[in-house]
Amino acid sequence: TAEAPMIPIEPDEGPVMVTVEYFVDPARAEAFAQVMQATRAA
């Protein structure tokens, strides 16, 4: 899902932050929040 890195990276370099952008129907925000709670635990 992410683009391949374009810079040299050492194995121990970090931390690494990953962001994921979602567009959700505001009417379904509560149900989405429940799924994201499970995502957080996972």
ModelCIF file with pLDDT and N, C-alpha, C, O atoms, coordinates in Angstrom:
data_MODEL
#
_entry.id   MODEL 
#
_entity.id                         1 
_entity.type                       polymer 
_entity.pdbx_number_of_molecules   1 
#
_entity_poly.entity_id                      1 
_entity_poly.type                           'polypeptide(L)' 
_entity_poly.nstd_linkage                   no 
_entity_poly.nstd_monomer                   no 
_entity_poly.pdbx_seq_one_letter_code       TAEAPMIPIEPDEGPVMVTVEYFVDPARAEAFAQVMQATRAA 
_entity_poly.pdbx_seq_one_letter_code_can   TAEAPMIPIEPDEGPVMVTVEYFVDPARAEAFAQVMQATRAA 
_entity_poly.pdbx_strand_id                 A 
#
loop_
_entity_poly_seq.entity_id 
_entity_poly_seq.num 
_entity_poly_seq.mon_id 
_entity_poly_seq.hetero 
1 1  THR n 
1 2  ALA n 
1 3  GLU n 
1 4  ALA n 
1 5  PRO n 
1 6  MET n 
1 7  ILE n 
1 8  PRO n 
1 9  ILE n 
1 10 GLU n 
1 11 PRO n 
1 12 ASP n 
1 13 GLU n 
1 14 GLY n 
1 15 PRO n 
1 16 VAL n 
1 17 MET n 
1 18 VAL n 
1 19 THR n 
1 20 VAL n 
1 21 GLU n 
1 22 TYR n 
1 23 PHE n 
1 24 VAL n 
1 25 ASP n 
1 26 PRO n 
1 27 ALA n 
1 28 ARG n 
1 29 ALA n 
1 30 GLU n 
1 31 ALA n 
1 32 PHE n 
1 33 ALA n 
1 34 GLN n 
1 35 VAL n 
1 36 MET n 
1 37 GLN n 
1 38 ALA n 
1 39 THR n 
1 40 ARG n 
1 41 ALA n 
1 42 ALA n 
#
_struct_asym.id          A 
_struct_asym.entity_id   1 
#
loop_
_ma_qa_metric.id 
_ma_qa_metric.mode 
_ma_qa_metric.name 
_ma_qa_metric.software_group_id 
_ma_qa_metric.type 
1 global pLDDT . pLDDT 
2 local  pLDDT . pLDDT 
#
_ma_qa_metric_global.metric_id      1 
_ma_qa_metric_global.metric_value   87.69 
_ma_qa_metric_global.model_id       1 
_ma_qa_metric_global.ordinal_id     1 
#
loop_
_ma_qa_metric_local.label_asym_id 
_ma_qa_metric_local.label_comp_id 
_ma_qa_metric_local.label_seq_id 
_ma_qa_metric_local.metric_id 
_ma_qa_metric_local.metric_value 
_ma_qa_metric_local.model_id 
_ma_qa_metric_local.ordinal_id 
A THR 1  2 69.00 1 1  
A ALA 2  2 67.00 1 2  
A GLU 3  2 71.00 1 3  
A ALA 4  2 77.00 1 4  
A PRO 5  2 81.00 1 5  
A MET 6  2 79.00 1 6  
A ILE 7  2 82.00 1 7  
A PRO 8  2 84.00 1 8  
A ILE 9  2 83.00 1 9  
A GLU 10 2 83.00 1 10 
A PRO 11 2 80.00 1 11 
A ASP 12 2 82.00 1 12 
A GLU 13 2 83.00 1 13 
A GLY 14 2 76.00 1 14 
A PRO 15 2 89.00 1 15 
A VAL 16 2 91.00 1 16 
A MET 17 2 93.00 1 17 
A VAL 18 2 92.00 1 18 
A THR 19 2 93.00 1 19 
A VAL 20 2 93.00 1 20 
A GLU 21 2 93.00 1 21 
A TYR 22 2 93.00 1 22 
A PHE 23 2 93.00 1 23 
A VAL 24 2 93.00 1 24 
A ASP 25 2 92.00 1 25 
A PRO 26 2 91.00 1 26 
A ALA 27 2 92.00 1 27 
A ARG 28 2 93.00 1 28 
A ALA 29 2 92.00 1 29 
A GLU 30 2 92.00 1 30 
A ALA 31 2 94.00 1 31 
A PHE 32 2 93.00 1 32 
A ALA 33 2 93.00 1 33 
A GLN 34 2 94.00 1 34 
A VAL 35 2 93.00 1 35 
A MET 36 2 94.00 1 36 
A GLN 37 2 93.00 1 37 
A ALA 38 2 91.00 1 38 
A THR 39 2 93.00 1 39 
A ARG 40 2 93.00 1 40 
A ALA 41 2 90.00 1 41 
A ALA 42 2 90.00 1 42 
#
loop_
_atom_site.group_PDB 
_atom_site.id 
_atom_site.type_symbol 
_atom_site.label_atom_id 
_atom_site.label_alt_id 
_atom_site.label_comp_id 
_atom_site.label_asym_id 
_atom_site.label_entity_id 
_atom_site.label_seq_id 
_atom_site.pdbx_PDB_ins_code 
_atom_site.Cartn_x 
_atom_site.Cartn_y 
_atom_site.Cartn_z 
_atom_site.occupancy 
_atom_site.B_iso_or_equiv 
_atom_site.pdbx_formal_charge 
_atom_site.auth_seq_id 
_atom_site.auth_comp_id 
_atom_site.auth_asym_id 
_atom_site.auth_atom_id 
_atom_site.pdbx_PDB_model_num 
ATOM 1   N N  . THR A 1 1  ? 0.809   -1.221 0.000  1.00 69.00 ? 1  THR A N  1 
ATOM 2   C CA . THR A 1 1  ? 0.000   0.000  0.000  1.00 69.00 ? 1  THR A CA 1 
ATOM 3   C C  . THR A 1 1  ? 0.839   1.266  0.000  1.00 69.00 ? 1  THR A C  1 
ATOM 4   O O  . THR A 1 1  ? 0.334   2.332  -0.351 1.00 69.00 ? 1  THR A O  1 
ATOM 5   N N  . ALA A 1 2  ? 2.097   1.178  0.381  1.00 67.00 ? 2  ALA A N  1 
ATOM 6   C CA . ALA A 1 2  ? 2.943   2.364  0.462  1.00 67.00 ? 2  ALA A CA 1 
ATOM 7   C C  . ALA A 1 2  ? 3.950   2.364  -0.686 1.00 67.00 ? 2  ALA A C  1 
ATOM 8   O O  . ALA A 1 2  ? 4.308   1.311  -1.214 1.00 67.00 ? 2  ALA A O  1 
ATOM 9   N N  . GLU A 1 3  ? 4.401   3.562  -1.064 1.00 71.00 ? 3  GLU A N  1 
ATOM 10  C CA . GLU A 1 3  ? 5.400   3.681  -2.113 1.00 71.00 ? 3  GLU A CA 1 
ATOM 11  C C  . GLU A 1 3  ? 6.757   3.181  -1.618 1.00 71.00 ? 3  GLU A C  1 
ATOM 12  O O  . GLU A 1 3  ? 7.081   3.295  -0.436 1.00 71.00 ? 3  GLU A O  1 
ATOM 13  N N  . ALA A 1 4  ? 7.540   2.630  -2.539 1.00 77.00 ? 4  ALA A N  1 
ATOM 14  C CA . ALA A 1 4  ? 8.871   2.161  -2.188 1.00 77.00 ? 4  ALA A CA 1 
ATOM 15  C C  . ALA A 1 4  ? 9.746   3.341  -1.768 1.00 77.00 ? 4  ALA A C  1 
ATOM 16  O O  . ALA A 1 4  ? 9.617   4.426  -2.334 1.00 77.00 ? 4  ALA A O  1 
ATOM 17  N N  . PRO A 1 5  ? 10.636  3.154  -0.787 1.00 81.00 ? 5  PRO A N  1 
ATOM 18  C CA . PRO A 1 5  ? 11.488  4.272  -0.340 1.00 81.00 ? 5  PRO A CA 1 
ATOM 19  C C  . PRO A 1 5  ? 12.439  4.715  -1.443 1.00 81.00 ? 5  PRO A C  1 
ATOM 20  O O  . PRO A 1 5  ? 12.975  3.897  -2.191 1.00 81.00 ? 5  PRO A O  1 
ATOM 21  N N  . MET A 1 6  ? 12.636  6.026  -1.525 1.00 79.00 ? 6  MET A N  1 
ATOM 22  C CA . MET A 1 6  ? 13.518  6.614  -2.539 1.00 79.00 ? 6  MET A CA 1 
ATOM 23  C C  . MET A 1 6  ? 14.829  7.104  -1.932 1.00 79.00 ? 6  MET A C  1 
ATOM 24  O O  . MET A 1 6  ? 15.636  7.713  -2.634 1.00 79.00 ? 6  MET A O  1 
ATOM 25  N N  . ILE A 1 7  ? 15.057  6.852  -0.650 1.00 82.00 ? 7  ILE A N  1 
ATOM 26  C CA . ILE A 1 7  ? 16.285  7.260  0.019  1.00 82.00 ? 7  ILE A CA 1 
ATOM 27  C C  . ILE A 1 7  ? 16.922  6.034  0.655  1.00 82.00 ? 7  ILE A C  1 
ATOM 28  O O  . ILE A 1 7  ? 16.215  5.079  0.976  1.00 82.00 ? 7  ILE A O  1 
ATOM 29  N N  . PRO A 1 8  ? 18.245  6.033  0.846  1.00 84.00 ? 8  PRO A N  1 
ATOM 30  C CA . PRO A 1 8  ? 18.889  4.897  1.526  1.00 84.00 ? 8  PRO A CA 1 
ATOM 31  C C  . PRO A 1 8  ? 18.492  4.866  3.005  1.00 84.00 ? 8  PRO A C  1 
ATOM 32  O O  . PRO A 1 8  ? 18.466  5.902  3.670  1.00 84.00 ? 8  PRO A O  1 
ATOM 33  N N  . ILE A 1 9  ? 18.188  3.686  3.504  1.00 83.00 ? 9  ILE A N  1 
ATOM 34  C CA . ILE A 1 9  ? 17.748  3.531  4.890  1.00 83.00 ? 9  ILE A CA 1 
ATOM 35  C C  . ILE A 1 9  ? 18.533  2.400  5.535  1.00 83.00 ? 9  ILE A C  1 
ATOM 36  O O  . ILE A 1 9  ? 18.583  1.288  5.009  1.00 83.00 ? 9  ILE A O  1 
ATOM 37  N N  . GLU A 1 10 ? 19.149  2.693  6.689  1.00 83.00 ? 10 GLU A N  1 
ATOM 38  C CA . GLU A 1 10 ? 19.830  1.665  7.460  1.00 83.00 ? 10 GLU A CA 1 
ATOM 39  C C  . GLU A 1 10 ? 18.803  0.862  8.263  1.00 83.00 ? 10 GLU A C  1 
ATOM 40  O O  . GLU A 1 10 ? 17.783  1.414  8.677  1.00 83.00 ? 10 GLU A O  1 
ATOM 41  N N  . PRO A 1 11 ? 19.055  -0.431 8.491  1.00 80.00 ? 11 PRO A N  1 
ATOM 42  C CA . PRO A 1 11 ? 18.068  -1.257 9.207  1.00 80.00 ? 11 PRO A CA 1 
ATOM 43  C C  . PRO A 1 11 ? 17.673  -0.713 10.574 1.00 80.00 ? 11 PRO A C  1 
ATOM 44  O O  . PRO A 1 11 ? 16.513  -0.827 10.972 1.00 80.00 ? 11 PRO A O  1 
ATOM 45  N N  . ASP A 1 12 ? 18.638  -0.113 11.309 1.00 82.00 ? 12 ASP A N  1 
ATOM 46  C CA . ASP A 1 12 ? 18.345  0.349  12.667 1.00 82.00 ? 12 ASP A CA 1 
ATOM 47  C C  . ASP A 1 12 ? 17.844  1.798  12.710 1.00 82.00 ? 12 ASP A C  1 
ATOM 48  O O  . ASP A 1 12 ? 17.590  2.325  13.793 1.00 82.00 ? 12 ASP A O  1 
ATOM 49  N N  . GLU A 1 13 ? 17.702  2.439  11.568 1.00 83.00 ? 13 GLU A N  1 
ATOM 50  C CA . GLU A 1 13 ? 17.202  3.809  11.573 1.00 83.00 ? 13 GLU A CA 1 
ATOM 51  C C  . GLU A 1 13 ? 15.744  3.847  12.033 1.00 83.00 ? 13 GLU A C  1 
ATOM 52  O O  . GLU A 1 13 ? 14.962  2.932  11.776 1.00 83.00 ? 13 GLU A O  1 
ATOM 53  N N  . GLY A 1 14 ? 15.414  4.930  12.714 1.00 76.00 ? 14 GLY A N  1 
ATOM 54  C CA . GLY A 1 14 ? 14.058  5.082  13.180 1.00 76.00 ? 14 GLY A CA 1 
ATOM 55  C C  . GLY A 1 14 ? 13.964  6.164  14.226 1.00 76.00 ? 14 GLY A C  1 
ATOM 56  O O  . GLY A 1 14 ? 14.958  6.836  14.504 1.00 76.00 ? 14 GLY A O  1 
ATOM 57  N N  . PRO A 1 15 ? 12.814  6.350  14.806 1.00 89.00 ? 15 PRO A N  1 
ATOM 58  C CA . PRO A 1 15 ? 11.560  5.631  14.551 1.00 89.00 ? 15 PRO A CA 1 
ATOM 59  C C  . PRO A 1 15 ? 10.994  5.900  13.154 1.00 89.00 ? 15 PRO A C  1 
ATOM 60  O O  . PRO A 1 15 ? 11.421  6.822  12.459 1.00 89.00 ? 15 PRO A O  1 
ATOM 61  N N  . VAL A 1 16 ? 10.012  5.064  12.761 1.00 91.00 ? 16 VAL A N  1 
ATOM 62  C CA . VAL A 1 16 ? 9.313   5.187  11.493 1.00 91.00 ? 16 VAL A CA 1 
ATOM 63  C C  . VAL A 1 16 ? 7.841   5.490  11.791 1.00 91.00 ? 16 VAL A C  1 
ATOM 64  O O  . VAL A 1 16 ? 7.176   4.755  12.520 1.00 91.00 ? 16 VAL A O  1 
ATOM 65  N N  . MET A 1 17 ? 7.354   6.583  11.214 1.00 93.00 ? 17 MET A N  1 
ATOM 66  C CA . MET A 1 17 ? 5.942   6.923  11.387 1.00 93.00 ? 17 MET A CA 1 
ATOM 67  C C  . MET A 1 17 ? 5.192   6.624  10.092 1.00 93.00 ? 17 MET A C  1 
ATOM 68  O O  . MET A 1 17 ? 5.638   6.992  9.005  1.00 93.00 ? 17 MET A O  1 
ATOM 69  N N  . VAL A 1 18 ? 4.054   5.956  10.219 1.00 92.00 ? 18 VAL A N  1 
ATOM 70  C CA . VAL A 1 18 ? 3.201   5.622  9.082  1.00 92.00 ? 18 VAL A CA 1 
ATOM 71  C C  . VAL A 1 18 ? 1.878   6.360  9.250  1.00 92.00 ? 18 VAL A C  1 
ATOM 72  O O  . VAL A 1 18 ? 1.294   6.356  10.334 1.00 92.00 ? 18 VAL A O  1 
ATOM 73  N N  . THR A 1 19 ? 1.408   6.992  8.176  1.00 93.00 ? 19 THR A N  1 
ATOM 74  C CA . THR A 1 19 ? 0.096   7.650  8.207  1.00 93.00 ? 19 THR A CA 1 
ATOM 75  C C  . THR A 1 19 ? -0.800  7.027  7.148  1.00 93.00 ? 19 THR A C  1 
ATOM 76  O O  . THR A 1 19 ? -0.343  6.652  6.069  1.00 93.00 ? 19 THR A O  1 
ATOM 77  N N  . VAL A 1 20 ? -2.084  6.923  7.474  1.00 93.00 ? 20 VAL A N  1 
ATOM 78  C CA . VAL A 1 20 ? -3.086  6.387  6.552  1.00 93.00 ? 20 VAL A CA 1 
ATOM 79  C C  . VAL A 1 20 ? -4.251  7.377  6.516  1.00 93.00 ? 20 VAL A C  1 
ATOM 80  O O  . VAL A 1 20 ? -4.795  7.739  7.559  1.00 93.00 ? 20 VAL A O  1 
ATOM 81  N N  . GLU A 1 21 ? -4.624  7.805  5.334  1.00 93.00 ? 21 GLU A N  1 
ATOM 82  C CA . GLU A 1 21 ? -5.665  8.822  5.158  1.00 93.00 ? 21 GLU A CA 1 
ATOM 83  C C  . GLU A 1 21 ? -6.977  8.152  4.730  1.00 93.00 ? 21 GLU A C  1 
ATOM 84  O O  . GLU A 1 21 ? -7.013  7.397  3.759  1.00 93.00 ? 21 GLU A O  1 
ATOM 85  N N  . TYR A 1 22 ? -8.053  8.442  5.473  1.00 93.00 ? 22 TYR A N  1 
ATOM 86  C CA . TYR A 1 22 ? -9.371  7.889  5.172  1.00 93.00 ? 22 TYR A CA 1 
ATOM 87  C C  . TYR A 1 22 ? -10.362 9.025  4.919  1.00 93.00 ? 22 TYR A C  1 
ATOM 88  O O  . TYR A 1 22 ? -10.283 10.090 5.532  1.00 93.00 ? 22 TYR A O  1 
ATOM 89  N N  . PHE A 1 23 ? -11.290 8.771  4.006  1.00 93.00 ? 23 PHE A N  1 
ATOM 90  C CA . PHE A 1 23 ? -12.427 9.658  3.801  1.00 93.00 ? 23 PHE A CA 1 
ATOM 91  C C  . PHE A 1 23 ? -13.689 8.852  4.099  1.00 93.00 ? 23 PHE A C  1 
ATOM 92  O O  . PHE A 1 23 ? -13.975 7.846  3.450  1.00 93.00 ? 23 PHE A O  1 
ATOM 93  N N  . VAL A 1 24 ? -14.445 9.328  5.113  1.00 93.00 ? 24 VAL A N  1 
ATOM 94  C CA . VAL A 1 24 ? -15.569 8.549  5.638  1.00 93.00 ? 24 VAL A CA 1 
ATOM 95  C C  . VAL A 1 24 ? -16.821 9.412  5.654  1.00 93.00 ? 24 VAL A C  1 
ATOM 96  O O  . VAL A 1 24 ? -16.762 10.611 5.927  1.00 93.00 ? 24 VAL A O  1 
ATOM 97  N N  . ASP A 1 25 ? -17.945 8.791  5.360  1.00 92.00 ? 25 ASP A N  1 
ATOM 98  C CA . ASP A 1 25 ? -19.234 9.475  5.449  1.00 92.00 ? 25 ASP A CA 1 
ATOM 99  C C  . ASP A 1 25 ? -19.448 9.910  6.904  1.00 92.00 ? 25 ASP A C  1 
ATOM 100 O O  . ASP A 1 25 ? -19.451 9.054  7.789  1.00 92.00 ? 25 ASP A O  1 
ATOM 101 N N  . PRO A 1 26 ? -19.626 11.204 7.183  1.00 91.00 ? 26 PRO A N  1 
ATOM 102 C CA . PRO A 1 26 ? -19.808 11.652 8.575  1.00 91.00 ? 26 PRO A CA 1 
ATOM 103 C C  . PRO A 1 26 ? -20.942 10.940 9.291  1.00 91.00 ? 26 PRO A C  1 
ATOM 104 O O  . PRO A 1 26 ? -20.905 10.800 10.513 1.00 91.00 ? 26 PRO A O  1 
ATOM 105 N N  . ALA A 1 27 ? -21.949 10.488 8.553  1.00 92.00 ? 27 ALA A N  1 
ATOM 106 C CA . ALA A 1 27 ? -23.071 9.791  9.184  1.00 92.00 ? 27 ALA A CA 1 
ATOM 107 C C  . ALA A 1 27 ? -22.640 8.432  9.748  1.00 92.00 ? 27 ALA A C  1 
ATOM 108 O O  . ALA A 1 27 ? -23.324 7.863  10.599 1.00 92.00 ? 27 ALA A O  1 
ATOM 109 N N  . ARG A 1 28 ? -21.512 7.921  9.273  1.00 93.00 ? 28 ARG A N  1 
ATOM 110 C CA . ARG A 1 28 ? -21.037 6.611  9.734  1.00 93.00 ? 28 ARG A CA 1 
ATOM 111 C C  . ARG A 1 28 ? -19.825 6.750  10.666 1.00 93.00 ? 28 ARG A C  1 
ATOM 112 O O  . ARG A 1 28 ? -19.091 5.786  10.885 1.00 93.00 ? 28 ARG A O  1 
ATOM 113 N N  . ALA A 1 29 ? -19.627 7.933  11.200 1.00 92.00 ? 29 ALA A N  1 
ATOM 114 C CA . ALA A 1 29 ? -18.439 8.194  12.006 1.00 92.00 ? 29 ALA A CA 1 
ATOM 115 C C  . ALA A 1 29 ? -18.376 7.313  13.249 1.00 92.00 ? 29 ALA A C  1 
ATOM 116 O O  . ALA A 1 29 ? -17.296 6.858  13.624 1.00 92.00 ? 29 ALA A O  1 
ATOM 117 N N  . GLU A 1 30 ? -19.510 7.068  13.891 1.00 92.00 ? 30 GLU A N  1 
ATOM 118 C CA . GLU A 1 30 ? -19.508 6.275  15.128 1.00 92.00 ? 30 GLU A CA 1 
ATOM 119 C C  . GLU A 1 30 ? -19.101 4.827  14.848 1.00 92.00 ? 30 GLU A C  1 
ATOM 120 O O  . GLU A 1 30 ? -18.302 4.249  15.584 1.00 92.00 ? 30 GLU A O  1 
ATOM 121 N N  . ALA A 1 31 ? -19.653 4.249  13.784 1.00 94.00 ? 31 ALA A N  1 
ATOM 122 C CA . ALA A 1 31 ? -19.289 2.878  13.433 1.00 94.00 ? 31 ALA A CA 1 
ATOM 123 C C  . ALA A 1 31 ? -17.819 2.794  13.023 1.00 94.00 ? 31 ALA A C  1 
ATOM 124 O O  . ALA A 1 31 ? -17.135 1.827  13.356 1.00 94.00 ? 31 ALA A O  1 
ATOM 125 N N  . PHE A 1 32 ? -17.333 3.806  12.299 1.00 93.00 ? 32 PHE A N  1 
ATOM 126 C CA . PHE A 1 32 ? -15.926 3.834  11.912 1.00 93.00 ? 32 PHE A CA 1 
ATOM 127 C C  . PHE A 1 32 ? -15.030 3.897  13.133 1.00 93.00 ? 32 PHE A C  1 
ATOM 128 O O  . PHE A 1 32 ? -13.982 3.251  13.165 1.00 93.00 ? 32 PHE A O  1 
ATOM 129 N N  . ALA A 1 33 ? -15.425 4.666  14.138 1.00 93.00 ? 33 ALA A N  1 
ATOM 130 C CA . ALA A 1 33 ? -14.629 4.781  15.356 1.00 93.00 ? 33 ALA A CA 1 
ATOM 131 C C  . ALA A 1 33 ? -14.501 3.435  16.063 1.00 93.00 ? 33 ALA A C  1 
ATOM 132 O O  . ALA A 1 33 ? -13.446 3.129  16.619 1.00 93.00 ? 33 ALA A O  1 
ATOM 133 N N  . GLN A 1 34 ? -15.559 2.629  16.048 1.00 94.00 ? 34 GLN A N  1 
ATOM 134 C CA . GLN A 1 34 ? -15.493 1.310  16.681 1.00 94.00 ? 34 GLN A CA 1 
ATOM 135 C C  . GLN A 1 34 ? -14.492 0.404  15.965 1.00 94.00 ? 34 GLN A C  1 
ATOM 136 O O  . GLN A 1 34 ? -13.729 -0.319 16.607 1.00 94.00 ? 34 GLN A O  1 
ATOM 137 N N  . VAL A 1 35 ? -14.500 0.450  14.620 1.00 93.00 ? 35 VAL A N  1 
ATOM 138 C CA . VAL A 1 35 ? -13.543 -0.350 13.865 1.00 93.00 ? 35 VAL A CA 1 
ATOM 139 C C  . VAL A 1 35 ? -12.122 0.128  14.136 1.00 93.00 ? 35 VAL A C  1 
ATOM 140 O O  . VAL A 1 35 ? -11.199 -0.684 14.209 1.00 93.00 ? 35 VAL A O  1 
ATOM 141 N N  . MET A 1 36 ? -11.938 1.427  14.284 1.00 94.00 ? 36 MET A N  1 
ATOM 142 C CA . MET A 1 36 ? -10.600 1.953  14.538 1.00 94.00 ? 36 MET A CA 1 
ATOM 143 C C  . MET A 1 36 ? -10.119 1.627  15.957 1.00 94.00 ? 36 MET A C  1 
ATOM 144 O O  . MET A 1 36 ? -8.914  1.536  16.195 1.00 94.00 ? 36 MET A O  1 
ATOM 145 N N  . GLN A 1 37 ? -11.044 1.453  16.890 1.00 93.00 ? 37 GLN A N  1 
ATOM 146 C CA . GLN A 1 37 ? -10.636 0.980  18.212 1.00 93.00 ? 37 GLN A CA 1 
ATOM 147 C C  . GLN A 1 37 ? -10.035 -0.421 18.108 1.00 93.00 ? 37 GLN A C  1 
ATOM 148 O O  . GLN A 1 37 ? -9.014  -0.717 18.729 1.00 93.00 ? 37 GLN A O  1 
ATOM 149 N N  . ALA A 1 38 ? -10.682 -1.280 17.314 1.00 91.00 ? 38 ALA A N  1 
ATOM 150 C CA . ALA A 1 38 ? -10.123 -2.614 17.083 1.00 91.00 ? 38 ALA A CA 1 
ATOM 151 C C  . ALA A 1 38 ? -8.801  -2.525 16.335 1.00 91.00 ? 38 ALA A C  1 
ATOM 152 O O  . ALA A 1 38 ? -7.894  -3.320 16.580 1.00 91.00 ? 38 ALA A O  1 
ATOM 153 N N  . THR A 1 39 ? -8.686  -1.563 15.426 1.00 93.00 ? 39 THR A N  1 
ATOM 154 C CA . THR A 1 39 ? -7.440  -1.359 14.688 1.00 93.00 ? 39 THR A CA 1 
ATOM 155 C C  . THR A 1 39 ? -6.317  -0.950 15.630 1.00 93.00 ? 39 THR A C  1 
ATOM 156 O O  . THR A 1 39 ? -5.192  -1.438 15.518 1.00 93.00 ? 39 THR A O  1 
ATOM 157 N N  . ARG A 1 40 ? -6.630  -0.051 16.556 1.00 93.00 ? 40 ARG A N  1 
ATOM 158 C CA . ARG A 1 40 ? -5.621  0.377  17.537 1.00 93.00 ? 40 ARG A CA 1 
ATOM 159 C C  . ARG A 1 40 ? -5.072  -0.828 18.306 1.00 93.00 ? 40 ARG A C  1 
ATOM 160 O O  . ARG A 1 40 ? -3.858  -0.969 18.451 1.00 93.00 ? 40 ARG A O  1 
ATOM 161 N N  . ALA A 1 41 ? -5.967  -1.699 18.801 1.00 90.00 ? 41 ALA A N  1 
ATOM 162 C CA . ALA A 1 41 ? -5.510  -2.869 19.546 1.00 90.00 ? 41 ALA A CA 1 
ATOM 163 C C  . ALA A 1 41 ? -4.667  -3.786 18.658 1.00 90.00 ? 41 ALA A C  1 
ATOM 164 O O  . ALA A 1 41 ? -3.658  -4.334 19.102 1.00 90.00 ? 41 ALA A O  1 
ATOM 165 N N  . ALA A 1 42 ? -5.090  -3.949 17.398 1.00 90.00 ? 42 ALA A N  1 
ATOM 166 C CA . ALA A 1 42 ? -4.350  -4.817 16.480 1.00 90.00 ? 42 ALA A CA 1 
ATOM 167 C C  . ALA A 1 42 ? -2.957  -4.262 16.193 1.00 90.00 ? 42 ALA A C  1 
ATOM 168 O O  . ALA A 1 42 ? -2.195  -4.867 15.438 1.00 90.00 ? 42 ALA A O  1 
#
